[in-house]
């Protein structure tokens, strides 16, 4: 389950922090996912954070702690912008970073979770 965290970490960056309410905070909804995906330094930092291979920013730590819940529950607490970000990141990693995708899926990620987001 930790691997899926990375896959969707960037896409669900907007839903990094769960609130006691029925939805994740929209605090990160204005982050430009494309800027992160197109910046190898930033992308690798998030990947390494999720794979426990590097330091995490405070946002990365919060994100990492809530992604599993978001995926297991089909992103039911996500905003539409968060769902779209997740789709964008999944598509990018599958199509452009297959080695990274394989690293993440090697962590026993149930594929039905990825398909449901």
PDB file of N, CA and C in Angstrom:
ATOM      1  N   UNK A   1       0.814  -1.182   0.000  1.00  0.00           N
ATOM      2  CA  UNK A   1       0.000   0.000   0.000  1.00  0.00           C
ATOM      3  C   UNK A   1       0.867   1.259   0.000  1.00  0.00           C
ATOM      4  N   UNK A   2       2.060   1.181   0.563  1.00  0.00           N
ATOM      5  CA  UNK A   2       2.916   2.361   0.585  1.00  0.00           C
ATOM      6  C   UNK A   2       3.287   2.805  -0.822  1.00  0.00           C
ATOM      7  N   UNK A   3       3.464   1.856  -1.741  1.00  0.00           N
ATOM      8  CA  UNK A   3       3.848   2.186  -3.098  1.00  0.00           C
ATOM      9  C   UNK A   3       2.800   3.011  -3.807  1.00  0.00           C
ATOM     10  N   UNK A   4       1.564   2.674  -3.622  1.00  0.00           N
ATOM     11  CA  UNK A   4       0.499   3.430  -4.279  1.00  0.00           C
ATOM     12  C   UNK A   4       0.503   4.862  -3.790  1.00  0.00           C
ATOM     13  N   UNK A   5       0.995   5.060  -2.586  1.00  0.00           N
ATOM     14  CA  UNK A   5       1.086   6.408  -2.056  1.00  0.00           C
ATOM     15  C   UNK A   5       1.888   7.291  -2.995  1.00  0.00           C
ATOM     16  N   UNK A   6       3.015   6.803  -3.467  1.00  0.00           N
ATOM     17  CA  UNK A   6       3.839   7.599  -4.360  1.00  0.00           C
ATOM     18  C   UNK A   6       3.142   7.844  -5.672  1.00  0.00           C
ATOM     19  N   UNK A   7       2.531   6.799  -6.191  1.00  0.00           N
ATOM     20  CA  UNK A   7       1.892   6.916  -7.483  1.00  0.00           C
ATOM     21  C   UNK A   7       0.905   8.054  -7.473  1.00  0.00           C
ATOM     22  N   UNK A   8       0.160   8.118  -6.428  1.00  0.00           N
ATOM     23  CA  UNK A   8      -0.887   9.111  -6.376  1.00  0.00           C
ATOM     24  C   UNK A   8      -0.513  10.328  -5.556  1.00  0.00           C
ATOM     25  N   UNK A   9       0.655  10.321  -4.980  1.00  0.00           N
ATOM     26  CA  UNK A   9       1.060  11.417  -4.117  1.00  0.00           C
ATOM     27  C   UNK A   9       0.963  12.756  -4.818  1.00  0.00           C
ATOM     28  N   UNK A  10       1.500  12.806  -6.003  1.00  0.00           N
ATOM     29  CA  UNK A  10       1.479  14.079  -6.710  1.00  0.00           C
ATOM     30  C   UNK A  10       0.077  14.417  -7.179  1.00  0.00           C
ATOM     31  N   UNK A  11      -0.622  13.407  -7.658  1.00  0.00           N
ATOM     32  CA  UNK A  11      -1.963  13.651  -8.161  1.00  0.00           C
ATOM     33  C   UNK A  11      -2.948  14.010  -7.092  1.00  0.00           C
ATOM     34  N   UNK A  12      -2.731  13.482  -5.929  1.00  0.00           N
ATOM     35  CA  UNK A  12      -3.654  13.733  -4.840  1.00  0.00           C
ATOM     36  C   UNK A  12      -3.027  14.720  -3.853  1.00  0.00           C
ATOM     37  N   UNK A  13      -2.027  15.426  -4.320  1.00  0.00           N
ATOM     38  CA  UNK A  13      -1.375  16.404  -3.461  1.00  0.00           C
ATOM     39  C   UNK A  13      -2.397  17.323  -2.835  1.00  0.00           C
ATOM     40  N   UNK A  14      -3.419  17.588  -3.592  1.00  0.00           N
ATOM     41  CA  UNK A  14      -4.447  18.484  -3.097  1.00  0.00           C
ATOM     42  C   UNK A  14      -5.232  17.904  -1.946  1.00  0.00           C
ATOM     43  N   UNK A  15      -5.215  16.591  -1.783  1.00  0.00           N
ATOM     44  CA  UNK A  15      -5.991  16.000  -0.684  1.00  0.00           C
ATOM     45  C   UNK A  15      -5.066  15.434   0.384  1.00  0.00           C
ATOM     46  N   UNK A  16      -3.936  16.062   0.570  1.00  0.00           N
ATOM     47  CA  UNK A  16      -2.934  15.540   1.482  1.00  0.00           C
ATOM     48  C   UNK A  16      -3.377  15.519   2.937  1.00  0.00           C
ATOM     49  N   UNK A  17      -4.181  16.439   3.330  1.00  0.00           N
ATOM     50  CA  UNK A  17      -4.528  16.544   4.729  1.00  0.00           C
ATOM     51  C   UNK A  17      -5.997  16.222   4.928  1.00  0.00           C
ATOM     52  N   UNK A  18      -6.265  15.206   5.719  1.00  0.00           N
ATOM     53  CA  UNK A  18      -7.656  14.874   6.009  1.00  0.00           C
ATOM     54  C   UNK A  18      -8.161  15.782   7.116  1.00  0.00           C
ATOM     55  N   UNK A  19      -9.362  16.211   6.973  1.00  0.00           N
ATOM     56  CA  UNK A  19      -9.965  17.015   8.023  1.00  0.00           C
ATOM     57  C   UNK A  19     -11.015  16.170   8.720  1.00  0.00           C
ATOM     58  N   UNK A  20     -11.463  16.591   9.864  1.00  0.00           N
ATOM     59  CA  UNK A  20     -12.481  15.814  10.541  1.00  0.00           C
ATOM     60  C   UNK A  20     -13.800  15.804   9.777  1.00  0.00           C
ATOM     61  N   UNK A  21     -13.936  16.670   8.783  1.00  0.00           N
ATOM     62  CA  UNK A  21     -15.161  16.738   7.986  1.00  0.00           C
ATOM     63  C   UNK A  21     -15.217  15.565   7.013  1.00  0.00           C
ATOM     64  N   UNK A  22     -16.199  15.614   6.123  1.00  0.00           N
ATOM     65  CA  UNK A  22     -16.394  14.543   5.167  1.00  0.00           C
ATOM     66  C   UNK A  22     -15.460  14.614   3.971  1.00  0.00           C
ATOM     67  N   UNK A  23     -14.675  15.661   3.850  1.00  0.00           N
ATOM     68  CA  UNK A  23     -13.791  15.821   2.709  1.00  0.00           C
ATOM     69  C   UNK A  23     -12.390  16.202   3.169  1.00  0.00           C
ATOM     70  N   UNK A  24     -11.418  15.907   2.292  1.00  0.00           N
ATOM     71  CA  UNK A  24     -10.057  16.356   2.546  1.00  0.00           C
ATOM     72  C   UNK A  24     -10.012  17.864   2.344  1.00  0.00           C
ATOM     73  N   UNK A  25      -9.031  18.467   2.951  1.00  0.00           N
ATOM     74  CA  UNK A  25      -8.864  19.900   2.794  1.00  0.00           C
ATOM     75  C   UNK A  25      -8.566  20.237   1.333  1.00  0.00           C
ATOM     76  N   UNK A  26      -8.989  21.396   0.912  1.00  0.00           N
ATOM     77  CA  UNK A  26      -8.673  21.846  -0.440  1.00  0.00           C
ATOM     78  C   UNK A  26      -7.453  22.772  -0.426  1.00  0.00           C
ATOM     79  N   UNK A  27      -6.709  22.718   0.676  1.00  0.00           N
ATOM     80  CA  UNK A  27      -5.550  23.587   0.857  1.00  0.00           C
ATOM     81  C   UNK A  27      -4.534  23.468  -0.284  1.00  0.00           C
ATOM     82  N   UNK A  28      -4.409  22.275  -0.870  1.00  0.00           N
ATOM     83  CA  UNK A  28      -3.414  22.062  -1.919  1.00  0.00           C
ATOM     84  C   UNK A  28      -4.017  22.007  -3.318  1.00  0.00           C
ATOM     85  N   UNK A  29      -5.267  22.351  -3.461  1.00  0.00           N
ATOM     86  CA  UNK A  29      -5.925  22.258  -4.769  1.00  0.00           C
ATOM     87  C   UNK A  29      -5.316  23.164  -5.830  1.00  0.00           C
ATOM     88  N   UNK A  30      -4.610  24.200  -5.435  1.00  0.00           N
ATOM     89  CA  UNK A  30      -4.042  25.124  -6.415  1.00  0.00           C
ATOM     90  C   UNK A  30      -2.614  24.786  -6.822  1.00  0.00           C
ATOM     91  N   UNK A  31      -2.097  23.676  -6.339  1.00  0.00           N
ATOM     92  CA  UNK A  31      -0.756  23.251  -6.749  1.00  0.00           C
ATOM     93  C   UNK A  31      -0.823  22.814  -8.205  1.00  0.00           C
ATOM     94  N   UNK A  32       0.169  23.225  -8.984  1.00  0.00           N
ATOM     95  CA  UNK A  32       0.206  22.868 -10.396  1.00  0.00           C
ATOM     96  C   UNK A  32       0.912  21.521 -10.551  1.00  0.00           C
ATOM     97  N   UNK A  33       0.125  20.488 -10.756  1.00  0.00           N
ATOM     98  CA  UNK A  33       0.642  19.129 -10.886  1.00  0.00           C
ATOM     99  C   UNK A  33       1.597  19.022 -12.067  1.00  0.00           C
ATOM    100  N   UNK A  34       1.268  19.669 -13.176  1.00  0.00           N
ATOM    101  CA  UNK A  34       2.131  19.605 -14.359  1.00  0.00           C
ATOM    102  C   UNK A  34       3.518  20.174 -14.083  1.00  0.00           C
ATOM    103  N   UNK A  35       3.593  21.233 -13.276  1.00  0.00           N
ATOM    104  CA  UNK A  35       4.904  21.790 -12.923  1.00  0.00           C
ATOM    105  C   UNK A  35       5.753  20.762 -12.186  1.00  0.00           C
ATOM    106  N   UNK A  36       5.140  20.001 -11.302  1.00  0.00           N
ATOM    107  CA  UNK A  36       5.877  18.976 -10.554  1.00  0.00           C
ATOM    108  C   UNK A  36       6.286  17.839 -11.482  1.00  0.00           C
ATOM    109  N   UNK A  37       5.359  17.374 -12.309  1.00  0.00           N
ATOM    110  CA  UNK A  37       5.657  16.263 -13.215  1.00  0.00           C
ATOM    111  C   UNK A  37       6.741  16.624 -14.220  1.00  0.00           C
ATOM    112  N   UNK A  38       6.842  17.893 -14.580  1.00  0.00           N
ATOM    113  CA  UNK A  38       7.839  18.333 -15.557  1.00  0.00           C
ATOM    114  C   UNK A  38       9.141  18.816 -14.925  1.00  0.00           C
ATOM    115  N   UNK A  39       9.263  18.696 -13.619  1.00  0.00           N
ATOM    116  CA  UNK A  39      10.481  19.092 -12.917  1.00  0.00           C
ATOM    117  C   UNK A  39      11.080  17.846 -12.277  1.00  0.00           C
ATOM    118  N   UNK A  40      12.090  17.239 -12.919  1.00  0.00           N
ATOM    119  CA  UNK A  40      12.654  15.988 -12.403  1.00  0.00           C
ATOM    120  C   UNK A  40      13.109  16.064 -10.941  1.00  0.00           C
ATOM    121  N   UNK A  41      13.650  17.202 -10.535  1.00  0.00           N
ATOM    122  CA  UNK A  41      14.111  17.340  -9.155  1.00  0.00           C
ATOM    123  C   UNK A  41      12.943  17.229  -8.177  1.00  0.00           C
ATOM    124  N   UNK A  42      11.862  17.940  -8.448  1.00  0.00           N
ATOM    125  CA  UNK A  42      10.693  17.882  -7.571  1.00  0.00           C
ATOM    126  C   UNK A  42      10.028  16.509  -7.610  1.00  0.00           C
ATOM    127  N   UNK A  43       9.851  15.989  -8.805  1.00  0.00           N
ATOM    128  CA  UNK A  43       9.213  14.682  -8.948  1.00  0.00           C
ATOM    129  C   UNK A  43       9.999  13.611  -8.209  1.00  0.00           C
ATOM    130  N   UNK A  44      11.310  13.595  -8.395  1.00  0.00           N
ATOM    131  CA  UNK A  44      12.136  12.597  -7.710  1.00  0.00           C
ATOM    132  C   UNK A  44      12.100  12.763  -6.197  1.00  0.00           C
ATOM    133  N   UNK A  45      12.011  13.986  -5.730  1.00  0.00           N
ATOM    134  CA  UNK A  45      11.918  14.210  -4.283  1.00  0.00           C
ATOM    135  C   UNK A  45      10.643  13.579  -3.719  1.00  0.00           C
ATOM    136  N   UNK A  46       9.528  13.763  -4.415  1.00  0.00           N
ATOM    137  CA  UNK A  46       8.278  13.147  -3.962  1.00  0.00           C
ATOM    138  C   UNK A  46       8.336  11.626  -4.061  1.00  0.00           C
ATOM    139  N   UNK A  47       8.904  11.130  -5.148  1.00  0.00           N
ATOM    140  CA  UNK A  47       9.033   9.683  -5.316  1.00  0.00           C
ATOM    141  C   UNK A  47       9.870   9.100  -4.185  1.00  0.00           C
ATOM    142  N   UNK A  48      11.004   9.709  -3.925  1.00  0.00           N
ATOM    143  CA  UNK A  48      11.880   9.215  -2.860  1.00  0.00           C
ATOM    144  C   UNK A  48      11.222   9.304  -1.497  1.00  0.00           C
ATOM    145  N   UNK A  49      10.454  10.332  -1.264  1.00  0.00           N
ATOM    146  CA  UNK A  49       9.727  10.463   0.000  1.00  0.00           C
ATOM    147  C   UNK A  49       8.777   9.279   0.175  1.00  0.00           C
ATOM    148  N   UNK A  50       7.977   9.029  -0.815  1.00  0.00           N
ATOM    149  CA  UNK A  50       6.976   7.970  -0.721  1.00  0.00           C
ATOM    150  C   UNK A  50       7.612   6.592  -0.624  1.00  0.00           C
ATOM    151  N   UNK A  51       8.729   6.398  -1.293  1.00  0.00           N
ATOM    152  CA  UNK A  51       9.417   5.103  -1.255  1.00  0.00           C
ATOM    153  C   UNK A  51      10.347   4.971  -0.052  1.00  0.00           C
ATOM    154  N   UNK A  52      10.307   5.934   0.846  1.00  0.00           N
ATOM    155  CA  UNK A  52      11.172   5.932   2.032  1.00  0.00           C
ATOM    156  C   UNK A  52      12.654   5.915   1.667  1.00  0.00           C
ATOM    157  N   UNK A  53      12.992   6.592   0.592  1.00  0.00           N
ATOM    158  CA  UNK A  53      14.382   6.669   0.134  1.00  0.00           C
ATOM    159  C   UNK A  53      14.970   8.060   0.301  1.00  0.00           C
ATOM    160  N   UNK A  54      14.187   8.979   0.815  1.00  0.00           N
ATOM    161  CA  UNK A  54      14.664  10.342   0.971  1.00  0.00           C
ATOM    162  C   UNK A  54      13.825  11.096   1.973  1.00  0.00           C
ATOM    163  N   UNK A  55      14.231  12.320   2.201  1.00  0.00           N
ATOM    164  CA  UNK A  55      13.515  13.173   3.146  1.00  0.00           C
ATOM    165  C   UNK A  55      12.177  13.597   2.566  1.00  0.00           C
ATOM    166  N   UNK A  56      11.249  13.852   3.471  1.00  0.00           N
ATOM    167  CA  UNK A  56       9.932  14.341   3.082  1.00  0.00           C
ATOM    168  C   UNK A  56       9.737  15.747   3.625  1.00  0.00           C
ATOM    169  N   UNK A  57       9.129  16.576   2.827  1.00  0.00           N
ATOM    170  CA  UNK A  57       8.715  17.877   3.324  1.00  0.00           C
ATOM    171  C   UNK A  57       7.535  17.641   4.257  1.00  0.00           C
ATOM    172  N   UNK A  58       7.139  18.654   4.981  1.00  0.00           N
ATOM    173  CA  UNK A  58       5.978  18.495   5.858  1.00  0.00           C
ATOM    174  C   UNK A  58       4.732  18.169   5.039  1.00  0.00           C
ATOM    175  N   UNK A  59       4.607  18.779   3.857  1.00  0.00           N
ATOM    176  CA  UNK A  59       3.484  18.465   2.979  1.00  0.00           C
ATOM    177  C   UNK A  59       3.557  17.019   2.503  1.00  0.00           C
ATOM    178  N   UNK A  60       4.753  16.581   2.171  1.00  0.00           N
ATOM    179  CA  UNK A  60       4.939  15.191   1.731  1.00  0.00           C
ATOM    180  C   UNK A  60       4.571  14.187   2.813  1.00  0.00           C
ATOM    181  N   UNK A  61       4.930  14.494   4.048  1.00  0.00           N
ATOM    182  CA  UNK A  61       4.580  13.611   5.160  1.00  0.00           C
ATOM    183  C   UNK A  61       3.069  13.524   5.347  1.00  0.00           C
ATOM    184  N   UNK A  62       2.409  14.664   5.286  1.00  0.00           N
ATOM    185  CA  UNK A  62       0.955  14.671   5.430  1.00  0.00           C
ATOM    186  C   UNK A  62       0.306  13.912   4.281  1.00  0.00           C
ATOM    187  N   UNK A  63       0.775  14.176   3.090  1.00  0.00           N
ATOM    188  CA  UNK A  63       0.261  13.508   1.906  1.00  0.00           C
ATOM    189  C   UNK A  63       0.412  11.994   2.040  1.00  0.00           C
ATOM    190  N   UNK A  64       1.591  11.580   2.384  1.00  0.00           N
ATOM    191  CA  UNK A  64       1.904  10.162   2.514  1.00  0.00           C
ATOM    192  C   UNK A  64       1.003   9.485   3.543  1.00  0.00           C
ATOM    193  N   UNK A  65       0.648  10.200   4.585  1.00  0.00           N
ATOM    194  CA  UNK A  65      -0.159   9.599   5.642  1.00  0.00           C
ATOM    195  C   UNK A  65      -1.633   9.466   5.278  1.00  0.00           C
ATOM    196  N   UNK A  66      -2.088  10.139   4.219  1.00  0.00           N
ATOM    197  CA  UNK A  66      -3.513  10.108   3.875  1.00  0.00           C
ATOM    198  C   UNK A  66      -3.827   9.477   2.522  1.00  0.00           C
ATOM    199  N   UNK A  67      -2.839   9.227   1.723  1.00  0.00           N
ATOM    200  CA  UNK A  67      -3.085   8.697   0.385  1.00  0.00           C
ATOM    201  C   UNK A  67      -3.748   7.327   0.432  1.00  0.00           C
ATOM    202  N   UNK A  68      -3.278   6.452   1.293  1.00  0.00           N
ATOM    203  CA  UNK A  68      -3.858   5.109   1.354  1.00  0.00           C
ATOM    204  C   UNK A  68      -5.355   5.157   1.620  1.00  0.00           C
ATOM    205  N   UNK A  69      -5.760   5.998   2.547  1.00  0.00           N
ATOM    206  CA  UNK A  69      -7.186   6.145   2.840  1.00  0.00           C
ATOM    207  C   UNK A  69      -7.937   6.629   1.599  1.00  0.00           C
ATOM    208  N   UNK A  70      -7.368   7.602   0.924  1.00  0.00           N
ATOM    209  CA  UNK A  70      -8.027   8.142  -0.270  1.00  0.00           C
ATOM    210  C   UNK A  70      -8.204   7.072  -1.334  1.00  0.00           C
ATOM    211  N   UNK A  71      -7.184   6.258  -1.527  1.00  0.00           N
ATOM    212  CA  UNK A  71      -7.265   5.224  -2.557  1.00  0.00           C
ATOM    213  C   UNK A  71      -8.173   4.068  -2.151  1.00  0.00           C
ATOM    214  N   UNK A  72      -8.060   3.651  -0.912  1.00  0.00           N
ATOM    215  CA  UNK A  72      -8.884   2.541  -0.441  1.00  0.00           C
ATOM    216  C   UNK A  72     -10.369   2.876  -0.484  1.00  0.00           C
ATOM    217  N   UNK A  73     -10.690   4.142  -0.332  1.00  0.00           N
ATOM    218  CA  UNK A  73     -12.093   4.575  -0.322  1.00  0.00           C
ATOM    219  C   UNK A  73     -12.491   5.253  -1.624  1.00  0.00           C
ATOM    220  N   UNK A  74     -11.758   4.927  -2.705  1.00  0.00           N
ATOM    221  CA  UNK A  74     -12.066   5.427  -4.043  1.00  0.00           C
ATOM    222  C   UNK A  74     -12.129   6.949  -4.085  1.00  0.00           C
ATOM    223  N   UNK A  75     -11.301   7.570  -3.299  1.00  0.00           N
ATOM    224  CA  UNK A  75     -11.181   9.028  -3.280  1.00  0.00           C
ATOM    225  C   UNK A  75     -12.523   9.698  -2.968  1.00  0.00           C
ATOM    226  N   UNK A  76     -13.330   9.037  -2.165  1.00  0.00           N
ATOM    227  CA  UNK A  76     -14.657   9.585  -1.862  1.00  0.00           C
ATOM    228  C   UNK A  76     -14.606  10.897  -1.095  1.00  0.00           C
ATOM    229  N   UNK A  77     -13.509  11.178  -0.411  1.00  0.00           N
ATOM    230  CA  UNK A  77     -13.373  12.441   0.305  1.00  0.00           C
ATOM    231  C   UNK A  77     -12.646  13.499  -0.522  1.00  0.00           C
ATOM    232  N   UNK A  78     -12.286  13.155  -1.760  1.00  0.00           N
ATOM    233  CA  UNK A  78     -11.547  14.071  -2.631  1.00  0.00           C
ATOM    234  C   UNK A  78     -12.480  15.038  -3.336  1.00  0.00           C
ATOM    235  N   UNK A  79     -11.939  16.204  -3.639  1.00  0.00           N
ATOM    236  CA  UNK A  79     -12.650  17.130  -4.503  1.00  0.00           C
ATOM    237  C   UNK A  79     -12.470  16.645  -5.941  1.00  0.00           C
ATOM    238  N   UNK A  80     -13.242  17.194  -6.842  1.00  0.00           N
ATOM    239  CA  UNK A  80     -13.096  16.802  -8.255  1.00  0.00           C
ATOM    240  C   UNK A  80     -11.702  17.157  -8.766  1.00  0.00           C
ATOM    241  N   UNK A  81     -11.157  18.273  -8.330  1.00  0.00           N
ATOM    242  CA  UNK A  81      -9.813  18.666  -8.753  1.00  0.00           C
ATOM    243  C   UNK A  81      -8.781  17.648  -8.260  1.00  0.00           C
ATOM    244  N   UNK A  82      -8.959  17.122  -7.065  1.00  0.00           N
ATOM    245  CA  UNK A  82      -8.053  16.120  -6.523  1.00  0.00           C
ATOM    246  C   UNK A  82      -8.149  14.812  -7.312  1.00  0.00           C
ATOM    247  N   UNK A  83      -9.361  14.432  -7.690  1.00  0.00           N
ATOM    248  CA  UNK A  83      -9.539  13.219  -8.504  1.00  0.00           C
ATOM    249  C   UNK A  83      -8.842  13.367  -9.855  1.00  0.00           C
ATOM    250  N   UNK A  84      -9.004  14.519 -10.470  1.00  0.00           N
ATOM    251  CA  UNK A  84      -8.367  14.753 -11.766  1.00  0.00           C
ATOM    252  C   UNK A  84      -6.850  14.742 -11.635  1.00  0.00           C
ATOM    253  N   UNK A  85      -6.331  15.336 -10.571  1.00  0.00           N
ATOM    254  CA  UNK A  85      -4.884  15.317 -10.346  1.00  0.00           C
ATOM    255  C   UNK A  85      -4.358  13.907 -10.206  1.00  0.00           C
ATOM    256  N   UNK A  86      -5.105  13.061  -9.528  1.00  0.00           N
ATOM    257  CA  UNK A  86      -4.713  11.669  -9.363  1.00  0.00           C
ATOM    258  C   UNK A  86      -4.654  10.972 -10.719  1.00  0.00           C
ATOM    259  N   UNK A  87      -5.665  11.176 -11.526  1.00  0.00           N
ATOM    260  CA  UNK A  87      -5.683  10.571 -12.872  1.00  0.00           C
ATOM    261  C   UNK A  87      -4.491  11.049 -13.691  1.00  0.00           C
ATOM    262  N   UNK A  88      -4.173  12.334 -13.600  1.00  0.00           N
ATOM    263  CA  UNK A  88      -3.054  12.907 -14.354  1.00  0.00           C
ATOM    264  C   UNK A  88      -1.741  12.253 -13.950  1.00  0.00           C
ATOM    265  N   UNK A  89      -1.529  12.096 -12.648  1.00  0.00           N
ATOM    266  CA  UNK A  89      -0.276  11.517 -12.166  1.00  0.00           C
ATOM    267  C   UNK A  89      -0.169  10.049 -12.554  1.00  0.00           C
ATOM    268  N   UNK A  90      -1.234   9.303 -12.383  1.00  0.00           N
ATOM    269  CA  UNK A  90      -1.205   7.884 -12.755  1.00  0.00           C
ATOM    270  C   UNK A  90      -0.869   7.723 -14.234  1.00  0.00           C
ATOM    271  N   UNK A  91      -1.542   8.472 -15.078  1.00  0.00           N
ATOM    272  CA  UNK A  91      -1.289   8.380 -16.515  1.00  0.00           C
ATOM    273  C   UNK A  91       0.156   8.757 -16.840  1.00  0.00           C
ATOM    274  N   UNK A  92       0.651   9.815 -16.214  1.00  0.00           N
ATOM    275  CA  UNK A  92       2.019  10.256 -16.471  1.00  0.00           C
ATOM    276  C   UNK A  92       3.029   9.173 -16.090  1.00  0.00           C
ATOM    277  N   UNK A  93       2.882   8.625 -14.894  1.00  0.00           N
ATOM    278  CA  UNK A  93       3.845   7.617 -14.443  1.00  0.00           C
ATOM    279  C   UNK A  93       3.779   6.354 -15.295  1.00  0.00           C
ATOM    280  N   UNK A  94       2.609   5.907 -15.614  1.00  0.00           N
ATOM    281  CA  UNK A  94       2.468   4.693 -16.423  1.00  0.00           C
ATOM    282  C   UNK A  94       3.070   4.902 -17.808  1.00  0.00           C
ATOM    283  N   UNK A  95       2.814   6.050 -18.412  1.00  0.00           N
ATOM    284  CA  UNK A  95       3.248   6.295 -19.790  1.00  0.00           C
ATOM    285  C   UNK A  95       4.670   6.830 -19.929  1.00  0.00           C
ATOM    286  N   UNK A  96       5.175   7.532 -18.911  1.00  0.00           N
ATOM    287  CA  UNK A  96       6.473   8.191 -19.041  1.00  0.00           C
ATOM    288  C   UNK A  96       7.552   7.697 -18.089  1.00  0.00           C
ATOM    289  N   UNK A  97       7.166   7.054 -17.017  1.00  0.00           N
ATOM    290  CA  UNK A  97       8.126   6.597 -16.014  1.00  0.00           C
ATOM    291  C   UNK A  97       7.832   5.141 -15.646  1.00  0.00           C
ATOM    292  N   UNK A  98       7.898   4.233 -16.620  1.00  0.00           N
ATOM    293  CA  UNK A  98       7.532   2.847 -16.330  1.00  0.00           C
ATOM    294  C   UNK A  98       8.409   2.193 -15.255  1.00  0.00           C
ATOM    295  N   UNK A  99       9.681   2.568 -15.177  1.00  0.00           N
ATOM    296  CA  UNK A  99      10.541   1.993 -14.138  1.00  0.00           C
ATOM    297  C   UNK A  99      10.075   2.426 -12.754  1.00  0.00           C
ATOM    298  N   UNK A 100       9.701   3.676 -12.626  1.00  0.00           N
ATOM    299  CA  UNK A 100       9.175   4.176 -11.356  1.00  0.00           C
ATOM    300  C   UNK A 100       7.852   3.499 -11.044  1.00  0.00           C
ATOM    301  N   UNK A 101       6.993   3.397 -12.044  1.00  0.00           N
ATOM    302  CA  UNK A 101       5.715   2.711 -11.878  1.00  0.00           C
ATOM    303  C   UNK A 101       5.947   1.282 -11.377  1.00  0.00           C
ATOM    304  N   UNK A 102       6.913   0.585 -11.970  1.00  0.00           N
ATOM    305  CA  UNK A 102       7.202  -0.788 -11.555  1.00  0.00           C
ATOM    306  C   UNK A 102       7.717  -0.858 -10.122  1.00  0.00           C
ATOM    307  N   UNK A 103       8.541   0.100  -9.737  1.00  0.00           N
ATOM    308  CA  UNK A 103       9.022   0.144  -8.347  1.00  0.00           C
ATOM    309  C   UNK A 103       7.851   0.267  -7.378  1.00  0.00           C
ATOM    310  N   UNK A 104       6.951   1.109  -7.730  1.00  0.00           N
ATOM    311  CA  UNK A 104       5.822   1.369  -6.852  1.00  0.00           C
ATOM    312  C   UNK A 104       4.863   0.189  -6.805  1.00  0.00           C
ATOM    313  N   UNK A 105       4.599  -0.389  -7.939  1.00  0.00           N
ATOM    314  CA  UNK A 105       3.673  -1.520  -7.954  1.00  0.00           C
ATOM    315  C   UNK A 105       4.299  -2.764  -7.354  1.00  0.00           C
ATOM    316  N   UNK A 106       5.617  -2.819  -7.296  1.00  0.00           N
ATOM    317  CA  UNK A 106       6.301  -3.966  -6.694  1.00  0.00           C
ATOM    318  C   UNK A 106       6.046  -4.053  -5.193  1.00  0.00           C
ATOM    319  N   UNK A 107       5.490  -3.015  -4.636  1.00  0.00           N
ATOM    320  CA  UNK A 107       5.204  -3.000  -3.201  1.00  0.00           C
ATOM    321  C   UNK A 107       3.830  -3.584  -2.909  1.00  0.00           C
ATOM    322  N   UNK A 108       3.398  -4.532  -3.718  1.00  0.00           N
ATOM    323  CA  UNK A 108       2.128  -5.241  -3.506  1.00  0.00           C
ATOM    324  C   UNK A 108       0.923  -4.311  -3.488  1.00  0.00           C
ATOM    325  N   UNK A 109       0.806  -3.529  -4.507  1.00  0.00           N
ATOM    326  CA  UNK A 109      -0.324  -2.606  -4.617  1.00  0.00           C
ATOM    327  C   UNK A 109      -1.468  -3.324  -5.321  1.00  0.00           C
ATOM    328  N   UNK A 110      -2.618  -3.403  -4.708  1.00  0.00           N
ATOM    329  CA  UNK A 110      -3.773  -3.979  -5.397  1.00  0.00           C
ATOM    330  C   UNK A 110      -4.139  -3.092  -6.586  1.00  0.00           C
ATOM    331  N   UNK A 111      -4.071  -3.641  -7.778  1.00  0.00           N
ATOM    332  CA  UNK A 111      -4.309  -2.858  -8.988  1.00  0.00           C
ATOM    333  C   UNK A 111      -5.742  -2.343  -9.080  1.00  0.00           C
ATOM    334  N   UNK A 112      -6.705  -3.004  -8.442  1.00  0.00           N
ATOM    335  CA  UNK A 112      -8.065  -2.506  -8.499  1.00  0.00           C
ATOM    336  C   UNK A 112      -8.179  -1.132  -7.843  1.00  0.00           C
ATOM    337  N   UNK A 113      -7.284  -0.834  -6.920  1.00  0.00           N
ATOM    338  CA  UNK A 113      -7.284   0.492  -6.287  1.00  0.00           C
ATOM    339  C   UNK A 113      -6.875   1.535  -7.316  1.00  0.00           C
ATOM    340  N   UNK A 114      -5.837   1.252  -8.098  1.00  0.00           N
ATOM    341  CA  UNK A 114      -5.394   2.211  -9.115  1.00  0.00           C
ATOM    342  C   UNK A 114      -6.474   2.440 -10.158  1.00  0.00           C
ATOM    343  N   UNK A 115      -7.144   1.382 -10.567  1.00  0.00           N
ATOM    344  CA  UNK A 115      -8.168   1.502 -11.601  1.00  0.00           C
ATOM    345  C   UNK A 115      -9.383   2.280 -11.121  1.00  0.00           C
ATOM    346  N   UNK A 116      -9.611   2.284  -9.834  1.00  0.00           N
ATOM    347  CA  UNK A 116     -10.832   2.902  -9.308  1.00  0.00           C
ATOM    348  C   UNK A 116     -10.704   4.398  -9.107  1.00  0.00           C
ATOM    349  N   UNK A 117      -9.506   4.933  -9.154  1.00  0.00           N
ATOM    350  CA  UNK A 117      -9.312   6.352  -8.875  1.00  0.00           C
ATOM    351  C   UNK A 117      -9.595   7.181 -10.107  1.00  0.00           C
TER     352      UNK A 117
END
